[in-house]
Amino acid sequence: MNTVPVVDPRVLILVDFDSPGANSNAAGHLFEDFVGRLLERYGYAEPRTDSLRVTMRGVELDVRVRHKLTGNRAIAECKAYTNAVSADQLAAFYGKLAVARFDEPDIQGFFIALPRLTGDASEQSKHIEGSDGHFKALIAQDVVDALTELKIVTPPPRALGLTSDPAVVITEHGVFSAVIELDPVHRTGARILCWGTQPVPSPVKKLLSGHADYGGGLPVHDVAGEITGITDRPRSSEAEPLIVTVAGSSEDFEYQLPASPQFFIGRQDLVGELSRLIDQSASVVVLNAQSGWGKSSLALKFRQLVEDLMGYAMIVDSRTASPGGFLTAVLRRAALEAQATGVLRLCGENSWATLVSSLRSIGSAEWAEKRAHW
């Protein structure tokens, strides 16, 4: 199988109810059942939920289970986020586990971090597991491996070609697997390939395609099906969102466009602050002001400051933003242009299928020395 290993497997919980509250409630209970089935892989049953929280960041779950043979108890803390789980959260769980052992010295601890742990948390986890045989941390790939052993998920029925963004899809209709098929030239998402131990129902396909952070409107194809309908045709790479960059004035006193850097005057304190932020490698800078106060002109000046330091910057008019992959299209264009100017060199296995894989592709790029400014 020719894959692009730029992201960890994701766990997608897909529900479709009339209200956000109902969706959160259904997603939480689906994840609760999913974790119970996962812990069966390690011999535990009779799950009892201590806490279940569904937030904008993801799902958090605290569970107590008992081993089917020995009767020993285990506590599990599960965090399914869009980003890696931090060392502080791992340390907080291990502290809770240590307190529980005052009464039950043999209690087992499971820390399930989806999609993965941060680098510091991973090192901390390895250190704990090396000294504590009754502690285990699981990340997304461990979960996929366990579900495969339980035959809850299965390998794809055929070779899938160039793909990225593997995912475990949890729905009320069952648990399925999915990947995004990439356009071989542009490495953008063409369609979603899905499969399971049963045919993929139409509601699951609809939910997958409509998932803003994953499907983005891509067609969904059940790879186990023998017939590919017209709705399964890959999306054309030409159907990318419109990206309009901000243009500056060509002369002084041209009020229809923002002032180009050569015509920019005043606001030296702001320019100095932007220069300091560049030197500090600030990751996020917000320019906030009322309409007509010169944000676009200042942004163009900001770009010049970056380019003067042999970096790269692109100013995008967000009024052209649309659902269905706008951010990933912007990141792809910016990365390719930065590569053309020598700021970075992308690895050969990059993917622009989702925001997650796009950020990972940029993060894995090789940056030129003294030119790592955006």
Protein backbone atom coordinates (compact mmCIF):
# COMPACT_ATOMS: atom_id res chain seq x y z
CA MET A 1 0.00 0.00 0.00
CA ASN A 2 1.36 3.41 -0.97
CA THR A 3 0.51 5.70 1.94
CA VAL A 4 1.61 9.07 3.23
CA PRO A 5 2.36 8.65 6.96
CA VAL A 6 2.06 12.29 7.97
CA VAL A 7 -0.64 11.98 10.65
CA ASP A 8 -1.59 9.68 13.46
CA PRO A 9 -4.87 7.80 13.18
CA ARG A 10 -7.77 9.99 14.26
CA VAL A 11 -10.86 8.97 16.19
CA LEU A 12 -13.98 10.59 14.75
CA ILE A 13 -17.25 10.43 16.68
CA LEU A 14 -20.05 11.14 14.23
CA VAL A 15 -23.61 11.90 15.34
CA ASP A 16 -26.46 13.81 13.76
CA PHE A 17 -29.17 15.24 16.01
CA ASP A 18 -31.23 18.40 15.95
CA SER A 19 -29.41 20.29 18.72
CA PRO A 20 -25.80 20.75 19.89
CA GLY A 21 -26.76 19.40 23.31
CA ALA A 22 -28.20 16.22 21.85
CA ASN A 23 -25.14 15.81 19.64
CA SER A 24 -22.79 16.20 22.62
CA ASN A 25 -24.77 13.75 24.70
CA ALA A 26 -24.85 11.14 21.92
CA ALA A 27 -21.15 11.59 21.11
CA GLY A 28 -20.22 11.16 24.76
CA HIS A 29 -22.14 7.93 25.16
CA LEU A 30 -20.81 6.53 21.88
CA PHE A 31 -17.27 7.22 23.08
CA GLU A 32 -18.09 5.72 26.47
CA ASP A 33 -19.20 2.47 24.84
CA PHE A 34 -16.18 2.54 22.54
CA VAL A 35 -13.71 2.81 25.44
CA GLY A 36 -15.47 -0.04 27.25
CA ARG A 37 -14.99 -2.29 24.23
CA LEU A 38 -11.37 -1.19 23.93
CA LEU A 39 -10.58 -2.14 27.54
CA GLU A 40 -11.95 -5.62 26.86
CA ARG A 41 -8.74 -6.15 24.89
CA TYR A 42 -6.86 -6.01 28.21
CA GLY A 43 -9.28 -8.32 30.03
CA TYR A 44 -11.41 -5.68 31.74
CA ALA A 45 -15.20 -5.50 31.89
CA GLU A 46 -18.05 -3.94 33.87
CA PRO A 47 -17.14 -0.32 33.07
CA ARG A 48 -18.46 2.35 35.41
CA THR A 49 -18.22 5.96 34.33
CA ASP A 50 -17.09 8.46 36.95
CA SER A 51 -17.05 11.49 34.66
CA LEU A 52 -17.97 12.25 31.05
CA ARG A 53 -17.34 15.68 29.52
CA VAL A 54 -17.89 16.77 25.93
CA THR A 55 -16.36 20.17 25.17
CA MET A 56 -15.27 22.18 22.12
CA ARG A 57 -11.82 20.62 22.52
CA GLY A 58 -13.05 17.01 22.49
CA VAL A 59 -14.27 14.27 24.82
CA GLU A 60 -12.93 13.47 28.29
CA LEU A 61 -13.91 10.29 30.09
CA ASP A 62 -13.03 8.73 33.46
CA VAL A 63 -13.86 5.03 33.79
CA ARG A 64 -13.44 2.32 36.41
CA VAL A 65 -13.34 -1.32 35.31
CA ARG A 66 -12.65 -4.72 36.86
CA HIS A 67 -10.53 -7.53 35.45
CA LYS A 68 -12.62 -10.50 34.35
CA LEU A 69 -10.18 -13.11 35.77
CA THR A 70 -8.39 -11.58 38.75
CA GLY A 71 -11.09 -9.17 39.88
CA ASN A 72 -8.50 -6.38 40.23
CA ARG A 73 -9.72 -2.89 39.50
CA ALA A 74 -8.38 -0.42 36.97
CA ILE A 75 -9.01 3.24 36.40
CA ALA A 76 -8.82 4.75 32.94
CA GLU A 77 -8.72 8.36 31.84
CA CYS A 78 -9.47 8.97 28.19
CA LYS A 79 -8.90 12.22 26.32
CA ALA A 80 -9.94 12.43 22.68
CA TYR A 81 -8.77 15.82 21.41
CA THR A 82 -7.83 17.37 18.10
CA ASN A 83 -4.32 18.09 19.45
CA ALA A 84 -1.76 16.09 21.39
CA VAL A 85 -2.32 15.55 25.12
CA SER A 86 0.13 17.37 27.39
CA ALA A 87 2.51 16.14 30.07
CA ASP A 88 0.60 18.11 32.73
CA GLN A 89 -2.55 16.08 32.04
CA LEU A 90 -0.61 12.83 32.18
CA ALA A 91 0.99 13.87 35.49
CA ALA A 92 -2.41 14.79 36.94
CA PHE A 93 -3.77 11.34 36.10
CA TYR A 94 -0.75 9.55 37.55
CA GLY A 95 -1.17 11.54 40.75
CA LYS A 96 -4.78 10.38 40.95
CA LEU A 97 -3.64 6.81 40.34
CA ALA A 98 -1.06 7.08 43.14
CA VAL A 99 -3.74 8.26 45.58
CA ALA A 100 -6.04 5.37 44.59
CA ARG A 101 -3.23 2.93 45.38
CA PHE A 102 -3.28 3.95 49.06
CA ASP A 103 -6.38 1.72 49.33
CA GLU A 104 -5.68 -0.72 46.45
CA PRO A 105 -1.93 -1.15 45.82
CA ASP A 106 -2.45 -3.30 42.69
CA ILE A 107 -4.86 -1.03 40.87
CA GLN A 108 -4.05 -0.68 37.16
CA GLY A 109 -3.99 2.68 35.39
CA PHE A 110 -4.77 3.35 31.72
CA PHE A 111 -4.16 6.76 30.18
CA ILE A 112 -5.70 6.91 26.70
CA ALA A 113 -4.49 9.96 24.76
CA LEU A 114 -6.00 10.57 21.33
CA PRO A 115 -4.51 11.27 18.90
CA ARG A 116 -1.19 11.11 20.78
CA LEU A 117 0.94 12.52 23.58
CA THR A 118 3.16 15.56 23.19
CA GLY A 119 6.89 14.91 23.04
CA ASP A 120 7.39 15.71 26.74
CA ALA A 121 4.39 13.61 27.73
CA SER A 122 5.65 10.68 25.65
CA GLU A 123 9.01 10.76 27.41
CA GLN A 124 7.27 10.98 30.77
CA SER A 125 5.03 8.05 29.87
CA LYS A 126 7.98 5.85 28.91
CA HIS A 127 9.70 6.71 32.18
CA ILE A 128 6.59 5.77 34.19
CA GLU A 129 6.00 2.53 32.29
CA GLY A 130 9.64 1.55 32.83
CA SER A 131 9.16 1.69 36.61
CA ASP A 132 5.47 0.88 37.00
CA GLY A 133 4.18 -2.37 35.55
CA HIS A 134 0.60 -1.41 36.43
CA PHE A 135 0.47 1.66 34.23
CA LYS A 136 -0.11 1.83 30.49
CA ALA A 137 -0.52 4.75 28.12
CA LEU A 138 -2.33 4.25 24.83
CA ILE A 139 -2.26 6.56 21.81
CA ALA A 140 -4.29 6.35 18.62
CA GLN A 141 -2.11 3.74 16.89
CA ASP A 142 -2.27 1.51 19.99
CA VAL A 143 -6.05 1.84 19.93
CA VAL A 144 -6.20 0.85 16.25
CA ASP A 145 -3.97 -2.16 16.91
CA ALA A 146 -6.17 -3.26 19.83
CA LEU A 147 -9.38 -2.83 17.85
CA THR A 148 -7.86 -4.84 15.02
CA GLU A 149 -7.08 -7.71 17.42
CA LEU A 150 -10.68 -7.56 18.62
CA LYS A 151 -11.84 -7.55 14.98
CA ILE A 152 -13.82 -4.39 15.61
CA VAL A 153 -11.89 -2.80 12.75
CA THR A 154 -10.30 -4.66 9.87
CA PRO A 155 -7.53 -3.96 7.34
CA PRO A 156 -8.74 -2.55 4.01
CA PRO A 157 -10.05 -5.17 1.59
CA ARG A 158 -7.68 -4.01 -1.15
CA ALA A 159 -4.65 -1.81 -1.75
CA LEU A 160 -5.74 1.82 -1.46
CA GLY A 161 -2.97 3.67 -3.27
CA LEU A 162 -1.87 7.15 -2.19
CA THR A 163 -3.73 8.03 1.02
CA SER A 164 -3.41 10.00 4.26
CA ASP A 165 -5.36 10.86 7.42
CA PRO A 166 -6.33 7.37 8.63
CA ALA A 167 -9.28 7.43 11.00
CA VAL A 168 -11.44 5.23 13.19
CA VAL A 169 -15.06 6.32 12.70
CA ILE A 170 -17.44 5.74 15.63
CA THR A 171 -21.15 5.96 14.83
CA GLU A 172 -24.45 4.59 16.08
CA HIS A 173 -24.32 2.31 13.01
CA GLY A 174 -21.01 0.73 14.02
CA VAL A 175 -17.27 1.35 13.94
CA PHE A 176 -15.57 1.87 10.57
CA SER A 177 -12.17 2.79 9.15
CA ALA A 178 -11.44 5.60 6.73
CA VAL A 179 -8.60 7.28 4.85
CA ILE A 180 -8.46 10.18 2.42
CA GLU A 181 -7.35 9.34 -1.09
CA LEU A 182 -4.91 11.93 -2.44
CA ASP A 183 -4.57 13.44 -5.85
CA PRO A 184 -1.18 12.05 -7.00
CA VAL A 185 0.03 15.41 -8.32
CA HIS A 186 -1.39 18.02 -5.95
CA ARG A 187 -1.62 15.73 -2.88
CA THR A 188 -4.94 17.26 -1.95
CA GLY A 189 -7.97 15.22 -0.90
CA ALA A 190 -9.81 13.52 -3.78
CA ARG A 191 -12.30 11.34 -1.89
CA ILE A 192 -12.77 9.43 1.35
CA LEU A 193 -12.33 5.66 1.30
CA CYS A 194 -14.25 3.86 4.04
CA TRP A 195 -14.75 0.22 5.06
CA GLY A 196 -15.80 -1.94 7.99
CA THR A 197 -16.93 -5.39 9.06
CA GLN A 198 -20.24 -4.53 7.39
CA PRO A 199 -21.21 -2.35 4.40
CA VAL A 200 -20.90 1.35 5.14
CA PRO A 201 -24.47 2.75 5.52
CA SER A 202 -25.49 5.89 3.66
CA PRO A 203 -25.92 7.90 6.91
CA VAL A 204 -22.28 7.20 7.80
CA LYS A 205 -21.14 8.32 4.35
CA LYS A 206 -23.15 11.52 4.73
CA LEU A 207 -21.71 12.23 8.16
CA LEU A 208 -18.16 11.59 6.97
CA SER A 209 -18.51 13.85 3.95
CA GLY A 210 -20.09 16.59 6.05
CA HIS A 211 -17.46 16.53 8.80
CA ALA A 212 -15.90 20.00 8.54
CA ASP A 213 -12.44 19.03 9.84
CA TYR A 214 -12.17 15.76 7.93
CA GLY A 215 -14.58 15.25 5.03
CA GLY A 216 -14.95 18.84 3.87
CA GLY A 217 -17.52 17.78 1.31
CA LEU A 218 -15.41 15.04 -0.27
CA PRO A 219 -17.33 12.10 -1.77
CA VAL A 220 -17.23 8.89 0.29
CA HIS A 221 -16.69 5.46 -1.27
CA ASP A 222 -17.11 2.09 0.44
CA VAL A 223 -14.03 0.25 -0.85
CA ALA A 224 -15.67 -3.10 -0.14
CA GLY A 225 -18.48 -2.28 -2.58
CA GLU A 226 -18.25 -3.62 -6.10
CA ILE A 227 -20.03 -0.74 -7.81
CA THR A 228 -18.82 2.84 -7.75
CA GLY A 229 -21.64 5.27 -8.39
CA ILE A 230 -21.40 8.73 -9.84
CA THR A 231 -21.30 10.27 -6.35
CA ASP A 232 -18.09 8.32 -5.66
CA ARG A 233 -16.05 10.01 -8.36
CA PRO A 234 -12.98 11.78 -6.95
CA ARG A 235 -13.26 15.51 -6.62
CA SER A 236 -11.29 17.39 -9.25
CA SER A 237 -8.13 19.07 -8.00
CA GLU A 238 -9.29 22.14 -9.91
CA ALA A 239 -12.25 22.53 -7.54
CA GLU A 240 -10.11 24.23 -4.88
CA PRO A 241 -11.33 27.24 -2.91
CA LEU A 242 -10.64 30.68 -4.34
CA ILE A 243 -7.66 32.34 -2.66
CA VAL A 244 -7.22 36.10 -3.15
CA THR A 245 -4.11 37.79 -1.79
CA VAL A 246 -4.12 41.39 -0.62
CA ALA A 247 -2.64 43.85 -3.10
CA GLY A 248 -1.11 47.18 -2.12
CA SER A 249 -1.29 50.56 -3.83
CA SER A 250 0.93 51.28 -6.84
CA GLU A 251 1.37 54.95 -5.93
CA ASP A 252 0.96 57.36 -3.08
CA PHE A 253 -2.55 58.63 -2.26
CA GLU A 254 -4.21 55.69 -4.04
CA TYR A 255 -7.04 55.21 -1.58
CA GLN A 256 -8.77 52.29 -3.31
CA LEU A 257 -6.10 49.86 -2.08
CA PRO A 258 -4.12 49.49 1.16
CA ALA A 259 -0.86 51.42 1.27
CA SER A 260 2.10 49.45 -0.06
CA PRO A 261 5.14 49.35 2.27
CA GLN A 262 7.00 52.01 0.25
CA PHE A 263 4.12 54.43 0.88
CA PHE A 264 3.54 53.39 4.50
CA ILE A 265 4.11 56.18 7.03
CA GLY A 266 3.76 56.58 10.79
CA ARG A 267 2.74 53.97 13.38
CA GLN A 268 6.39 53.37 14.29
CA ASP A 269 5.46 51.92 17.68
CA LEU A 270 3.33 49.24 16.00
CA VAL A 271 6.01 48.48 13.43
CA GLY A 272 8.58 48.16 16.18
CA GLU A 273 6.33 45.80 18.13
CA LEU A 274 5.84 43.63 15.03
CA SER A 275 9.61 43.51 14.54
CA ARG A 276 10.06 42.36 18.12
CA LEU A 277 7.41 39.65 17.65
CA ILE A 278 9.25 38.37 14.59
CA ASP A 279 12.51 38.23 16.55
CA GLN A 280 10.71 36.30 19.29
CA SER A 281 9.26 33.86 16.72
CA ALA A 282 5.72 34.59 17.90
CA SER A 283 3.37 31.94 16.53
CA VAL A 284 0.17 34.03 16.46
CA VAL A 285 -0.18 37.77 15.92
CA VAL A 286 -3.63 39.41 15.83
CA LEU A 287 -4.19 42.83 14.24
CA ASN A 288 -7.47 44.12 15.64
CA ALA A 289 -9.01 47.46 14.71
CA GLN A 290 -12.14 48.95 13.22
CA SER A 291 -12.75 48.96 9.48
CA GLY A 292 -10.69 51.58 7.66
CA TRP A 293 -8.04 51.98 10.33
CA GLY A 294 -5.26 50.47 8.21
CA LYS A 295 -5.04 46.81 9.20
CA SER A 296 -4.33 45.69 5.63
CA SER A 297 -1.63 48.33 5.17
CA LEU A 298 0.00 47.27 8.42
CA ALA A 299 -0.23 43.61 7.38
CA LEU A 300 1.58 44.41 4.12
CA LYS A 301 4.26 46.21 6.15
CA PHE A 302 4.47 43.14 8.37
CA ARG A 303 5.07 41.00 5.29
CA GLN A 304 7.91 43.30 4.23
CA LEU A 305 9.52 42.97 7.67
CA VAL A 306 9.44 39.19 7.32
CA GLU A 307 10.81 39.26 3.77
CA ASP A 308 13.62 41.62 4.81
CA LEU A 309 14.74 38.84 7.15
CA MET A 310 14.75 36.37 4.22
CA GLY A 311 11.48 34.83 5.35
CA TYR A 312 8.16 34.31 3.61
CA ALA A 313 4.70 35.77 4.20
CA MET A 314 1.38 35.75 2.36
CA ILE A 315 -1.51 38.13 3.04
CA VAL A 316 -4.87 36.56 2.22
CA ASP A 317 -8.21 38.31 1.87
CA SER A 318 -10.38 36.19 4.18
CA ARG A 319 -13.58 37.46 2.56
CA THR A 320 -13.07 34.73 -0.03
CA ALA A 321 -13.02 32.06 2.69
CA SER A 322 -15.49 29.25 2.18
CA PRO A 323 -16.17 25.89 3.80
CA GLY A 324 -14.60 22.82 2.28
CA GLY A 325 -10.86 23.19 2.69
CA PHE A 326 -10.07 26.91 2.48
CA LEU A 327 -7.46 26.81 5.25
CA THR A 328 -5.74 23.73 3.86
CA ALA A 329 -5.65 25.33 0.40
CA VAL A 330 -4.05 28.47 1.86
CA LEU A 331 -1.46 26.45 3.77
CA ARG A 332 -0.64 24.38 0.69
CA ARG A 333 -0.13 27.46 -1.46
CA ALA A 334 1.93 29.20 1.21
CA ALA A 335 4.13 26.15 1.75
CA LEU A 336 4.76 25.66 -1.96
CA GLU A 337 5.58 29.35 -2.44
CA ALA A 338 7.87 29.30 0.61
CA GLN A 339 9.63 26.28 -0.85
CA ALA A 340 10.06 28.09 -4.17
CA THR A 341 11.74 31.01 -2.38
CA GLY A 342 14.08 28.69 -0.47
CA VAL A 343 12.61 29.27 3.00
CA LEU A 344 11.84 25.57 3.47
CA ARG A 345 11.96 22.21 1.74
CA LEU A 346 8.92 19.96 2.03
CA CYS A 347 9.41 16.29 2.65
CA GLY A 348 8.38 13.91 -0.12
CA GLU A 349 5.49 12.47 1.89
CA ASN A 350 3.39 15.57 2.45
CA SER A 351 -0.40 15.75 2.38
CA TRP A 352 -2.85 18.63 2.05
CA ALA A 353 -6.00 16.64 2.64
CA THR A 354 -6.98 18.15 6.01
CA LEU A 355 -5.87 20.94 8.33
CA VAL A 356 -4.18 18.37 10.59
CA SER A 357 -2.14 16.79 7.81
CA SER A 358 -1.31 20.19 6.30
CA LEU A 359 0.12 21.44 9.59
CA ARG A 360 2.04 18.20 10.01
CA SER A 361 3.46 18.53 6.48
CA ILE A 362 4.71 22.03 7.25
CA GLY A 363 6.00 20.95 10.66
CA SER A 364 8.05 18.14 9.11
CA ALA A 365 9.62 20.42 6.48
CA GLU A 366 13.31 21.28 6.55
CA TRP A 367 13.75 24.97 7.25
CA ALA A 368 16.65 26.99 5.89
CA GLU A 369 18.87 28.45 8.58
CA LYS A 370 18.06 32.06 9.46
CA ARG A 371 15.07 31.96 7.12
CA ALA A 372 12.42 30.31 9.29
CA HIS A 373 10.13 33.36 9.47
CA TRP A 374 6.59 33.39 8.10
